[in-house]
N, C-alpha and C. Protein backbone atom coordinates (compact mmCIF):
# COMPACT_ATOMS: atom_id res chain seq x y z
N MET A 1 130.18 89.40 102.32
CA MET A 1 129.58 90.70 102.06
C MET A 1 130.25 91.36 100.85
N LYS A 2 129.43 91.87 100.01
CA LYS A 2 129.92 92.56 98.81
C LYS A 2 129.52 94.04 98.92
N VAL A 3 130.46 94.93 98.66
CA VAL A 3 130.16 96.36 98.71
C VAL A 3 129.46 96.76 97.41
N LEU A 4 128.23 97.26 97.56
CA LEU A 4 127.46 97.74 96.41
C LEU A 4 127.74 99.21 96.13
N MET A 5 127.89 99.98 97.19
CA MET A 5 128.16 101.42 97.07
C MET A 5 129.03 101.84 98.23
N ASN A 6 130.06 102.62 97.91
CA ASN A 6 130.88 103.19 98.97
C ASN A 6 130.41 104.62 99.25
N SER A 7 131.11 105.29 100.12
CA SER A 7 130.72 106.64 100.54
C SER A 7 130.64 107.61 99.37
N ALA A 8 131.65 107.59 98.52
CA ALA A 8 131.68 108.51 97.37
C ALA A 8 130.54 108.21 96.40
N GLU A 9 130.25 106.93 96.18
CA GLU A 9 129.16 106.56 95.28
C GLU A 9 127.80 106.96 95.84
N ILE A 10 127.63 106.82 97.14
CA ILE A 10 126.37 107.25 97.77
C ILE A 10 126.21 108.76 97.60
N ARG A 11 127.28 109.51 97.81
CA ARG A 11 127.24 110.97 97.63
C ARG A 11 126.86 111.34 96.19
N GLN A 12 127.45 110.66 95.22
CA GLN A 12 127.14 110.92 93.81
C GLN A 12 125.68 110.61 93.49
N VAL A 13 125.19 109.50 94.03
CA VAL A 13 123.80 109.10 93.78
C VAL A 13 122.84 110.12 94.39
N VAL A 14 123.11 110.56 95.60
CA VAL A 14 122.25 111.56 96.25
C VAL A 14 122.21 112.84 95.42
N ASP A 15 123.36 113.29 94.94
CA ASP A 15 123.41 114.49 94.10
C ASP A 15 122.61 114.31 92.81
N ARG A 16 122.74 113.12 92.20
CA ARG A 16 122.01 112.85 90.96
C ARG A 16 120.50 112.81 91.20
N ILE A 17 120.09 112.17 92.27
CA ILE A 17 118.66 112.11 92.59
C ILE A 17 118.13 113.53 92.82
N ALA A 18 118.88 114.36 93.52
CA ALA A 18 118.46 115.75 93.77
C ALA A 18 118.28 116.49 92.44
N ARG A 19 119.24 116.34 91.53
CA ARG A 19 119.13 116.98 90.20
C ARG A 19 117.92 116.47 89.44
N ASP A 20 117.71 115.15 89.49
CA ASP A 20 116.58 114.56 88.77
C ASP A 20 115.23 115.05 89.32
N ILE A 21 115.14 115.20 90.62
CA ILE A 21 113.90 115.71 91.23
C ILE A 21 113.62 117.12 90.73
N VAL A 22 114.65 117.95 90.71
CA VAL A 22 114.48 119.34 90.24
C VAL A 22 114.10 119.35 88.76
N GLN A 23 114.76 118.55 87.95
CA GLN A 23 114.49 118.53 86.51
C GLN A 23 113.10 118.01 86.18
N LYS A 24 112.64 117.01 86.92
CA LYS A 24 111.33 116.41 86.63
C LYS A 24 110.18 117.34 86.99
N ASN A 25 110.36 118.14 88.00
CA ASN A 25 109.29 119.00 88.50
C ASN A 25 109.47 120.42 87.98
N LYS A 26 108.41 120.94 87.42
CA LYS A 26 108.47 122.27 86.81
C LYS A 26 108.77 123.36 87.82
N SER A 27 108.19 123.23 89.01
CA SER A 27 108.39 124.24 90.05
C SER A 27 108.83 123.55 91.32
N ILE A 28 110.01 123.88 91.81
CA ILE A 28 110.46 123.24 93.04
C ILE A 28 109.81 123.86 94.27
N SER A 29 109.07 124.95 94.09
CA SER A 29 108.42 125.58 95.25
C SER A 29 107.29 124.71 95.81
N ASP A 30 106.81 123.74 95.05
CA ASP A 30 105.74 122.85 95.52
C ASP A 30 106.25 121.50 96.02
N ILE A 31 107.57 121.31 96.02
CA ILE A 31 108.14 120.02 96.42
C ILE A 31 108.40 120.00 97.92
N VAL A 32 108.01 118.89 98.56
CA VAL A 32 108.38 118.64 99.95
C VAL A 32 109.01 117.25 100.02
N LEU A 33 109.98 117.09 100.88
CA LEU A 33 110.66 115.82 101.06
C LEU A 33 110.17 115.17 102.35
N VAL A 34 109.92 113.86 102.30
CA VAL A 34 109.50 113.12 103.48
C VAL A 34 110.36 111.86 103.56
N GLY A 35 111.20 111.81 104.58
CA GLY A 35 112.05 110.64 104.80
C GLY A 35 111.31 109.58 105.60
N ILE A 36 111.33 108.35 105.11
CA ILE A 36 110.72 107.23 105.82
C ILE A 36 111.74 106.73 106.83
N ARG A 37 111.33 106.69 108.10
CA ARG A 37 112.24 106.22 109.15
C ARG A 37 112.65 104.79 108.89
N THR A 38 113.87 104.44 109.04
CA THR A 38 114.92 105.17 109.73
C THR A 38 115.87 105.82 108.72
N ARG A 39 116.40 105.07 107.78
CA ARG A 39 117.46 105.61 106.93
C ARG A 39 116.97 106.51 105.81
N GLY A 40 115.68 106.56 105.57
CA GLY A 40 115.16 107.51 104.60
C GLY A 40 115.27 108.94 105.07
N VAL A 41 115.32 109.14 106.39
CA VAL A 41 115.39 110.49 106.94
C VAL A 41 116.72 111.17 106.61
N PRO A 42 117.87 110.56 106.93
CA PRO A 42 119.13 111.23 106.55
C PRO A 42 119.30 111.34 105.04
N LEU A 43 118.78 110.37 104.28
CA LEU A 43 118.86 110.49 102.83
C LEU A 43 118.03 111.67 102.33
N ALA A 44 116.84 111.88 102.91
CA ALA A 44 116.02 113.03 102.53
C ALA A 44 116.74 114.33 102.88
N ARG A 45 117.38 114.37 104.05
CA ARG A 45 118.16 115.56 104.43
C ARG A 45 119.26 115.84 103.41
N ARG A 46 119.96 114.80 103.02
CA ARG A 46 121.06 114.96 102.06
C ARG A 46 120.53 115.44 100.71
N ILE A 47 119.42 114.88 100.27
CA ILE A 47 118.82 115.33 99.00
C ILE A 47 118.43 116.80 99.12
N GLY A 48 117.83 117.16 100.25
CA GLY A 48 117.46 118.56 100.48
C GLY A 48 118.67 119.48 100.47
N GLN A 49 119.77 119.06 101.07
CA GLN A 49 121.00 119.86 101.07
C GLN A 49 121.54 120.02 99.65
N ALA A 50 121.49 118.94 98.86
CA ALA A 50 121.98 119.01 97.49
C ALA A 50 121.13 119.97 96.65
N VAL A 51 119.81 119.94 96.86
CA VAL A 51 118.93 120.87 96.15
C VAL A 51 119.24 122.30 96.58
N ALA A 52 119.43 122.52 97.88
CA ALA A 52 119.73 123.86 98.40
C ALA A 52 121.03 124.40 97.82
N GLU A 53 122.04 123.54 97.72
CA GLU A 53 123.33 123.96 97.16
C GLU A 53 123.21 124.30 95.67
N ALA A 54 122.44 123.52 94.94
CA ALA A 54 122.32 123.71 93.49
C ALA A 54 121.34 124.81 93.12
N GLU A 55 120.24 124.91 93.87
CA GLU A 55 119.14 125.80 93.47
C GLU A 55 118.94 126.99 94.42
N GLY A 56 119.57 126.95 95.58
CA GLY A 56 119.38 128.02 96.55
C GLY A 56 118.01 128.00 97.21
N VAL A 57 117.35 126.84 97.21
CA VAL A 57 116.02 126.71 97.80
C VAL A 57 116.07 125.59 98.83
N ASN A 58 115.55 125.88 100.02
CA ASN A 58 115.44 124.86 101.07
C ASN A 58 114.08 124.20 100.98
N LEU A 59 114.07 122.94 100.63
CA LEU A 59 112.81 122.21 100.54
C LEU A 59 112.35 121.82 101.94
N PRO A 60 111.05 121.92 102.23
CA PRO A 60 110.54 121.45 103.51
C PRO A 60 110.83 119.96 103.68
N LEU A 61 111.15 119.57 104.92
CA LEU A 61 111.52 118.19 105.20
C LEU A 61 110.67 117.64 106.33
N GLY A 62 110.12 116.45 106.12
CA GLY A 62 109.36 115.76 107.16
C GLY A 62 109.91 114.39 107.43
N LEU A 63 109.57 113.84 108.59
CA LEU A 63 109.97 112.50 109.00
C LEU A 63 108.72 111.67 109.17
N LEU A 64 108.73 110.46 108.64
CA LEU A 64 107.54 109.63 108.66
C LEU A 64 107.85 108.26 109.27
N ASP A 65 107.09 107.91 110.32
CA ASP A 65 107.15 106.56 110.88
C ASP A 65 105.93 105.81 110.36
N ILE A 66 106.15 104.67 109.75
CA ILE A 66 105.04 103.94 109.11
C ILE A 66 104.58 102.73 109.92
N ASN A 67 105.11 102.53 111.11
CA ASN A 67 104.82 101.30 111.86
C ASN A 67 103.34 101.07 112.10
N LEU A 68 102.56 102.11 112.39
CA LEU A 68 101.13 101.92 112.61
C LEU A 68 100.38 101.57 111.33
N TYR A 69 100.99 101.82 110.18
CA TYR A 69 100.36 101.57 108.89
C TYR A 69 100.80 100.26 108.25
N ARG A 70 101.71 99.55 108.90
CA ARG A 70 102.22 98.30 108.33
C ARG A 70 101.12 97.26 108.27
N ASP A 71 101.11 96.45 107.22
CA ASP A 71 100.09 95.41 107.11
C ASP A 71 100.40 94.21 107.99
N ASP A 72 101.59 94.19 108.60
CA ASP A 72 101.93 93.12 109.54
C ASP A 72 102.03 93.64 110.97
N PHE A 73 101.42 94.81 111.24
CA PHE A 73 101.51 95.42 112.57
C PHE A 73 100.99 94.47 113.65
N ASN A 74 99.87 93.82 113.42
CA ASN A 74 99.31 92.91 114.41
C ASN A 74 100.23 91.72 114.66
N ARG A 75 100.91 91.26 113.64
CA ARG A 75 101.86 90.16 113.80
C ARG A 75 103.11 90.63 114.51
N ALA A 76 103.50 91.90 114.29
CA ALA A 76 104.70 92.43 114.92
C ALA A 76 104.48 92.62 116.42
N GLY A 77 103.23 92.90 116.80
CA GLY A 77 102.85 92.98 118.21
C GLY A 77 103.73 93.90 119.03
N ALA A 78 104.24 93.38 120.12
CA ALA A 78 105.01 94.19 121.07
C ALA A 78 106.34 94.67 120.49
N GLN A 79 106.83 94.01 119.46
CA GLN A 79 108.11 94.41 118.89
C GLN A 79 108.00 95.70 118.06
N ALA A 80 106.80 96.05 117.65
CA ALA A 80 106.63 97.23 116.81
C ALA A 80 106.83 98.48 117.65
N GLU A 81 107.87 99.23 117.33
CA GLU A 81 108.16 100.47 118.04
C GLU A 81 107.64 101.63 117.21
N VAL A 82 106.72 102.39 117.79
CA VAL A 82 106.17 103.55 117.10
C VAL A 82 107.02 104.76 117.46
N ARG A 83 107.56 105.40 116.43
CA ARG A 83 108.42 106.56 116.63
C ARG A 83 107.73 107.80 116.09
N GLU A 84 108.36 108.91 116.30
CA GLU A 84 107.78 110.20 115.93
C GLU A 84 107.62 110.36 114.41
N THR A 85 106.47 110.86 114.03
CA THR A 85 106.25 111.37 112.69
C THR A 85 106.19 112.88 112.83
N ARG A 86 106.96 113.58 112.04
CA ARG A 86 106.96 115.04 112.10
C ARG A 86 106.88 115.60 110.68
N ILE A 87 105.69 116.04 110.30
CA ILE A 87 105.47 116.67 109.00
C ILE A 87 105.02 118.10 109.30
N PRO A 88 105.97 119.05 109.38
CA PRO A 88 105.64 120.41 109.81
C PRO A 88 105.13 121.31 108.69
N PHE A 89 104.41 120.74 107.75
CA PHE A 89 103.88 121.49 106.61
C PHE A 89 102.65 120.75 106.10
N ALA A 90 101.82 121.46 105.36
CA ALA A 90 100.65 120.84 104.74
C ALA A 90 101.10 120.10 103.48
N VAL A 91 100.58 118.90 103.28
CA VAL A 91 100.89 118.14 102.07
C VAL A 91 99.88 118.43 100.97
N GLU A 92 98.79 119.05 101.32
CA GLU A 92 97.72 119.36 100.38
C GLU A 92 98.27 120.13 99.17
N GLY A 93 98.06 119.57 97.97
CA GLY A 93 98.45 120.24 96.74
C GLY A 93 99.94 120.22 96.44
N LYS A 94 100.73 119.57 97.27
CA LYS A 94 102.18 119.53 97.09
C LYS A 94 102.62 118.30 96.31
N CYS A 95 103.84 118.34 95.82
CA CYS A 95 104.51 117.16 95.29
C CYS A 95 105.33 116.60 96.44
N VAL A 96 104.88 115.48 97.00
CA VAL A 96 105.57 114.85 98.12
C VAL A 96 106.55 113.84 97.55
N VAL A 97 107.83 114.01 97.87
CA VAL A 97 108.84 113.03 97.47
C VAL A 97 109.17 112.19 98.70
N LEU A 98 108.69 110.94 98.70
CA LEU A 98 109.03 110.00 99.75
C LEU A 98 110.45 109.50 99.49
N VAL A 99 111.23 109.38 100.54
CA VAL A 99 112.62 108.94 100.41
C VAL A 99 112.86 107.76 101.34
N ASP A 100 113.44 106.68 100.78
CA ASP A 100 113.81 105.51 101.57
C ASP A 100 115.13 104.96 101.07
N ASP A 101 115.74 104.09 101.87
CA ASP A 101 117.03 103.55 101.47
C ASP A 101 116.91 102.41 100.47
N VAL A 102 116.04 101.42 100.75
CA VAL A 102 115.93 100.24 99.89
C VAL A 102 114.46 99.99 99.56
N LEU A 103 114.18 99.75 98.29
CA LEU A 103 112.85 99.33 97.85
C LEU A 103 112.93 97.85 97.51
N TYR A 104 112.07 97.06 98.16
CA TYR A 104 112.07 95.61 97.90
C TYR A 104 110.64 95.17 97.60
N THR A 105 109.88 94.79 98.60
CA THR A 105 108.53 94.25 98.36
C THR A 105 107.52 95.34 98.01
N GLY A 106 107.75 96.55 98.48
CA GLY A 106 106.81 97.64 98.26
C GLY A 106 105.90 97.88 99.46
N ARG A 107 105.97 97.03 100.46
CA ARG A 107 105.07 97.14 101.61
C ARG A 107 105.35 98.37 102.47
N THR A 108 106.60 98.74 102.64
CA THR A 108 106.92 99.96 103.40
C THR A 108 106.38 101.18 102.67
N VAL A 109 106.53 101.22 101.37
CA VAL A 109 106.03 102.36 100.59
C VAL A 109 104.51 102.41 100.63
N ARG A 110 103.85 101.27 100.55
CA ARG A 110 102.39 101.24 100.64
C ARG A 110 101.93 101.84 101.97
N ALA A 111 102.61 101.47 103.05
CA ALA A 111 102.28 102.02 104.37
C ALA A 111 102.53 103.53 104.40
N ALA A 112 103.62 103.97 103.79
CA ALA A 112 103.93 105.40 103.74
C ALA A 112 102.88 106.17 102.95
N LEU A 113 102.41 105.60 101.86
CA LEU A 113 101.36 106.24 101.06
C LEU A 113 100.09 106.42 101.89
N ASP A 114 99.72 105.39 102.64
CA ASP A 114 98.54 105.49 103.51
C ASP A 114 98.72 106.60 104.54
N ALA A 115 99.91 106.67 105.13
CA ALA A 115 100.18 107.69 106.16
C ALA A 115 100.12 109.09 105.57
N ILE A 116 100.69 109.29 104.39
CA ILE A 116 100.69 110.61 103.76
C ILE A 116 99.27 111.04 103.41
N VAL A 117 98.50 110.14 102.83
CA VAL A 117 97.14 110.47 102.43
C VAL A 117 96.27 110.80 103.64
N ASP A 118 96.57 110.21 104.79
CA ASP A 118 95.86 110.57 106.02
C ASP A 118 96.11 112.03 106.42
N LEU A 119 97.21 112.60 105.94
CA LEU A 119 97.56 113.99 106.28
C LEU A 119 96.96 115.00 105.31
N GLY A 120 96.48 114.56 104.17
CA GLY A 120 95.93 115.47 103.17
C GLY A 120 96.04 114.85 101.79
N ARG A 121 95.70 115.65 100.79
CA ARG A 121 95.72 115.14 99.43
C ARG A 121 96.80 115.85 98.62
N PRO A 122 97.97 115.22 98.51
CA PRO A 122 99.03 115.82 97.71
C PRO A 122 98.63 115.87 96.23
N ARG A 123 99.22 116.77 95.50
CA ARG A 123 99.01 116.83 94.05
C ARG A 123 99.61 115.59 93.41
N ARG A 124 100.77 115.18 93.94
CA ARG A 124 101.47 114.01 93.40
C ARG A 124 102.39 113.47 94.50
N ILE A 125 102.63 112.17 94.47
CA ILE A 125 103.61 111.55 95.36
C ILE A 125 104.63 110.83 94.48
N GLU A 126 105.89 111.13 94.72
CA GLU A 126 106.99 110.49 94.00
C GLU A 126 107.83 109.72 95.02
N LEU A 127 108.61 108.77 94.52
CA LEU A 127 109.43 107.94 95.40
C LEU A 127 110.88 107.98 94.94
N ALA A 128 111.77 108.25 95.90
CA ALA A 128 113.21 108.23 95.65
C ALA A 128 113.84 107.20 96.59
N VAL A 129 114.63 106.29 96.01
CA VAL A 129 115.29 105.26 96.80
C VAL A 129 116.76 105.17 96.41
N LEU A 130 117.58 104.85 97.39
CA LEU A 130 119.00 104.66 97.13
C LEU A 130 119.21 103.39 96.30
N ILE A 131 118.53 102.29 96.70
CA ILE A 131 118.69 101.01 96.02
C ILE A 131 117.32 100.37 95.78
N ASP A 132 117.10 99.92 94.56
CA ASP A 132 115.92 99.14 94.20
C ASP A 132 116.40 97.71 94.01
N ARG A 133 115.91 96.80 94.83
CA ARG A 133 116.38 95.42 94.74
C ARG A 133 115.38 94.47 94.09
N GLY A 134 114.35 95.02 93.43
CA GLY A 134 113.38 94.16 92.76
C GLY A 134 112.55 93.39 93.78
N GLY A 135 111.89 92.34 93.34
CA GLY A 135 111.16 91.46 94.24
C GLY A 135 109.84 92.00 94.76
N ARG A 136 109.16 92.83 94.00
CA ARG A 136 107.92 93.44 94.47
C ARG A 136 106.82 92.43 94.75
N GLU A 137 106.10 92.72 95.82
CA GLU A 137 104.87 92.01 96.14
C GLU A 137 103.67 92.90 95.82
N LEU A 138 103.93 94.18 95.65
CA LEU A 138 102.90 95.17 95.35
C LEU A 138 103.34 95.98 94.13
N PRO A 139 102.39 96.55 93.39
CA PRO A 139 102.75 97.30 92.18
C PRO A 139 103.26 98.71 92.52
N ILE A 140 104.47 98.76 93.06
CA ILE A 140 105.11 100.00 93.47
C ILE A 140 106.37 100.17 92.63
N GLN A 141 106.60 101.39 92.15
CA GLN A 141 107.79 101.67 91.35
C GLN A 141 108.37 103.01 91.78
N ALA A 142 109.69 103.07 91.92
CA ALA A 142 110.35 104.31 92.30
C ALA A 142 110.49 105.23 91.10
N ASP A 143 110.38 106.53 91.34
CA ASP A 143 110.59 107.54 90.31
C ASP A 143 112.06 107.88 90.17
N PHE A 144 112.80 107.78 91.28
CA PHE A 144 114.22 108.13 91.30
C PHE A 144 114.97 107.00 92.02
N VAL A 145 115.90 106.36 91.30
CA VAL A 145 116.62 105.21 91.83
C VAL A 145 118.12 105.47 91.72
N GLY A 146 118.81 105.25 92.82
CA GLY A 146 120.26 105.38 92.81
C GLY A 146 120.92 104.23 92.09
N LYS A 147 120.54 103.02 92.46
CA LYS A 147 121.13 101.82 91.86
C LYS A 147 120.12 100.69 91.93
N THR A 148 120.04 99.91 90.86
CA THR A 148 119.18 98.73 90.83
C THR A 148 120.05 97.49 90.98
N VAL A 149 119.70 96.67 91.96
CA VAL A 149 120.42 95.42 92.22
C VAL A 149 119.37 94.35 92.42
N LEU A 150 119.17 93.50 91.42
CA LEU A 150 118.17 92.44 91.54
C LEU A 150 118.72 91.35 92.46
N THR A 151 117.90 90.99 93.45
CA THR A 151 118.35 90.05 94.47
C THR A 151 117.32 88.94 94.65
N SER A 152 117.76 87.88 95.30
CA SER A 152 116.84 86.79 95.67
C SER A 152 116.36 87.03 97.10
N ALA A 153 115.39 86.25 97.51
CA ALA A 153 114.87 86.36 98.87
C ALA A 153 115.92 85.95 99.90
N LEU A 154 116.91 85.17 99.50
CA LEU A 154 117.97 84.75 100.42
C LEU A 154 119.00 85.84 100.66
N GLU A 155 119.04 86.80 99.76
CA GLU A 155 120.02 87.88 99.87
C GLU A 155 119.45 89.05 100.67
N ASN A 156 120.35 89.84 101.22
CA ASN A 156 119.93 90.99 102.00
C ASN A 156 120.83 92.18 101.66
N ILE A 157 120.22 93.35 101.61
CA ILE A 157 120.99 94.58 101.39
C ILE A 157 120.94 95.40 102.67
N SER A 158 122.12 95.81 103.13
CA SER A 158 122.23 96.66 104.31
C SER A 158 122.81 98.00 103.89
N VAL A 159 122.10 99.06 104.23
CA VAL A 159 122.61 100.40 103.99
C VAL A 159 123.04 100.98 105.32
N HIS A 160 124.25 101.48 105.36
CA HIS A 160 124.77 102.16 106.55
C HIS A 160 124.99 103.62 106.19
N LEU A 161 124.52 104.50 107.05
CA LEU A 161 124.67 105.93 106.82
C LEU A 161 125.38 106.57 108.01
N GLU A 162 126.25 107.51 107.70
CA GLU A 162 127.07 108.18 108.71
C GLU A 162 126.25 108.68 109.89
N GLU A 163 125.11 109.28 109.62
CA GLU A 163 124.30 109.89 110.67
C GLU A 163 123.77 108.86 111.69
N ILE A 164 123.63 107.62 111.27
CA ILE A 164 123.07 106.57 112.14
C ILE A 164 124.13 105.55 112.52
N ASP A 165 124.92 105.14 111.53
CA ASP A 165 125.83 104.01 111.69
C ASP A 165 127.31 104.38 111.77
N GLY A 166 127.63 105.65 111.56
CA GLY A 166 129.02 106.08 111.62
C GLY A 166 129.82 105.85 110.35
N ARG A 167 129.17 105.36 109.29
CA ARG A 167 129.86 105.15 108.00
C ARG A 167 128.81 105.09 106.90
N ASP A 168 129.25 105.38 105.69
CA ASP A 168 128.39 105.31 104.51
C ASP A 168 128.81 104.12 103.64
N GLU A 169 127.88 103.20 103.44
CA GLU A 169 128.12 102.09 102.52
C GLU A 169 126.82 101.31 102.34
N ALA A 170 126.74 100.61 101.24
CA ALA A 170 125.64 99.68 100.99
C ALA A 170 126.27 98.33 100.70
N LEU A 171 125.80 97.31 101.42
CA LEU A 171 126.39 95.98 101.33
C LEU A 171 125.36 94.94 100.91
N LEU A 172 125.81 93.96 100.16
CA LEU A 172 124.98 92.82 99.77
C LEU A 172 125.48 91.60 100.52
N ASP A 173 124.59 91.01 101.30
CA ASP A 173 124.88 89.73 101.98
C ASP A 173 124.19 88.67 101.14
N GLU A 174 124.98 87.87 100.47
CA GLU A 174 124.43 86.88 99.55
C GLU A 174 123.87 85.66 100.26
N GLY A 175 123.98 85.61 101.55
CA GLY A 175 123.38 84.51 102.33
C GLY A 175 123.80 83.17 101.78
N ASP A 176 122.83 82.28 101.58
CA ASP A 176 123.10 80.95 101.05
C ASP A 176 123.10 80.93 99.52
N ALA A 177 122.91 82.13 98.90
CA ALA A 177 122.82 82.20 97.44
C ALA A 177 124.18 82.04 96.78
N ALA A 178 125.25 82.30 97.52
CA ALA A 178 126.59 82.27 96.93
C ALA A 178 127.09 80.87 96.68
């Protein structure tokens, strides 16, 4: 296992992504954050806290479960656990910033896009990820990236967050690639 990001680096990346979101958008009053379950949720909270500290504005925060929208849901069958989606605001006309930990094939983001559009028609949807590992199967690109790490299909990236795992770190398991 190789450490890609430690706790301090994750904190720096979250702060930078928060600044970039504010700078890219002319008015932060139209921005809402939506964390993709599981690890996108605490990352979205952290981004929201960083924006609140810097700008004095609390961005609305939602939680999104994409399991029903997955293109492999039928194959996942009984293993697919559907969890709560909580979007306590209208997405209509808003800039929705989807937040996830790792972007790889693009399939999770595609499912999230379908779920958001079912809730209304946002003005724009942006994507913020902690790590972009390349390897797209779909034409999906993040607007805000913490770190880019190009990987092979044999490699795996694990993100651990304090709120879920008791520690902050991002690790690369090189599998048989090493």
